[in-house]
PDB file of N, CA and C in Angstrom:
ATOM      1  N   MET A   1       0.846  -1.212   0.000  1.00  0.00           N
ATOM      2  CA  MET A   1       0.000   0.000   0.000  1.00  0.00           C
ATOM      3  C   MET A   1       0.876   1.256   0.000  1.00  0.00           C
ATOM      4  N   GLN A   2       0.531   2.192  -0.844  1.00  0.00           N
ATOM      5  CA  GLN A   2       1.316   3.429  -0.914  1.00  0.00           C
ATOM      6  C   GLN A   2       0.807   4.429   0.109  1.00  0.00           C
ATOM      7  N   PRO A   3       1.731   5.042   0.844  1.00  0.00           N
ATOM      8  CA  PRO A   3       1.341   6.050   1.842  1.00  0.00           C
ATOM      9  C   PRO A   3       0.759   7.283   1.155  1.00  0.00           C
ATOM     10  N   LYS A   4      -0.260   7.853   1.788  1.00  0.00           N
ATOM     11  CA  LYS A   4      -0.887   9.036   1.192  1.00  0.00           C
ATOM     12  C   LYS A   4       0.015  10.247   1.388  1.00  0.00           C
ATOM     13  N   VAL A   5       0.452  10.782   0.259  1.00  0.00           N
ATOM     14  CA  VAL A   5       1.322  11.963   0.344  1.00  0.00           C
ATOM     15  C   VAL A   5       0.505  13.221   0.102  1.00  0.00           C
ATOM     16  N   GLN A   6       0.550  14.138   1.053  1.00  0.00           N
ATOM     17  CA  GLN A   6      -0.208  15.371   0.886  1.00  0.00           C
ATOM     18  C   GLN A   6       0.598  16.352   0.047  1.00  0.00           C
ATOM     19  N   PRO A   7       0.073  16.706  -1.119  1.00  0.00           N
ATOM     20  CA  PRO A   7       0.755  17.667  -1.978  1.00  0.00           C
ATOM     21  C   PRO A   7       0.677  19.060  -1.380  1.00  0.00           C
ATOM     22  N   THR A   8       1.784  19.789  -1.492  1.00  0.00           N
ATOM     23  CA  THR A   8       1.790  21.143  -0.923  1.00  0.00           C
ATOM     24  C   THR A   8       0.986  22.056  -1.839  1.00  0.00           C
ATOM     25  N   VAL A   9      -0.188  22.426  -1.370  1.00  0.00           N
ATOM     26  CA  VAL A   9      -1.057  23.250  -2.204  1.00  0.00           C
ATOM     27  C   VAL A   9      -0.812  24.727  -1.906  1.00  0.00           C
ATOM     28  N   GLN A  10      -0.353  25.432  -2.921  1.00  0.00           N
ATOM     29  CA  GLN A  10      -0.109  26.862  -2.734  1.00  0.00           C
ATOM     30  C   GLN A  10      -1.289  27.641  -3.292  1.00  0.00           C
ATOM     31  N   PRO A  11      -1.937  28.405  -2.443  1.00  0.00           N
ATOM     32  CA  PRO A  11      -3.081  29.206  -2.898  1.00  0.00           C
ATOM     33  C   PRO A  11      -2.619  30.304  -3.847  1.00  0.00           C
ATOM     34  N   THR A  12      -3.346  30.462  -4.935  1.00  0.00           N
ATOM     35  CA  THR A  12      -2.948  31.499  -5.894  1.00  0.00           C
ATOM     36  C   THR A  12      -3.338  32.850  -5.317  1.00  0.00           C
ATOM     37  N   VAL A  13      -2.320  33.600  -4.922  1.00  0.00           N
ATOM     38  CA  VAL A  13      -2.592  34.904  -4.304  1.00  0.00           C
ATOM     39  C   VAL A  13      -2.529  35.996  -5.350  1.00  0.00           C
ATOM     40  N   GLN A  14      -3.655  36.655  -5.549  1.00  0.00           N
ATOM     41  CA  GLN A  14      -3.668  37.732  -6.540  1.00  0.00           C
ATOM     42  C   GLN A  14      -3.428  39.060  -5.838  1.00  0.00           C
ATOM     43  N   PRO A  15      -2.329  39.727  -6.181  1.00  0.00           N
ATOM     44  CA  PRO A  15      -2.006  41.016  -5.575  1.00  0.00           C
ATOM     45  C   PRO A  15      -3.003  42.088  -6.020  1.00  0.00           C
ATOM     46  N   THR A  16      -3.458  42.866  -5.100  1.00  0.00           N
ATOM     47  CA  THR A  16      -4.421  43.914  -5.458  1.00  0.00           C
ATOM     48  C   THR A  16      -3.683  45.044  -6.171  1.00  0.00           C
ATOM     49  N   VAL A  17      -4.035  45.192  -7.444  1.00  0.00           N
ATOM     50  CA  VAL A  17      -3.323  46.203  -8.233  1.00  0.00           C
ATOM     51  C   VAL A  17      -4.025  47.543  -8.085  1.00  0.00           C
TER      52      VAL A  17
END
């Protein structure tokens, strides 16, 4: 069984222009 690897999810941060 393969261990569940949590992918590092980076939230797309939109800079306020």
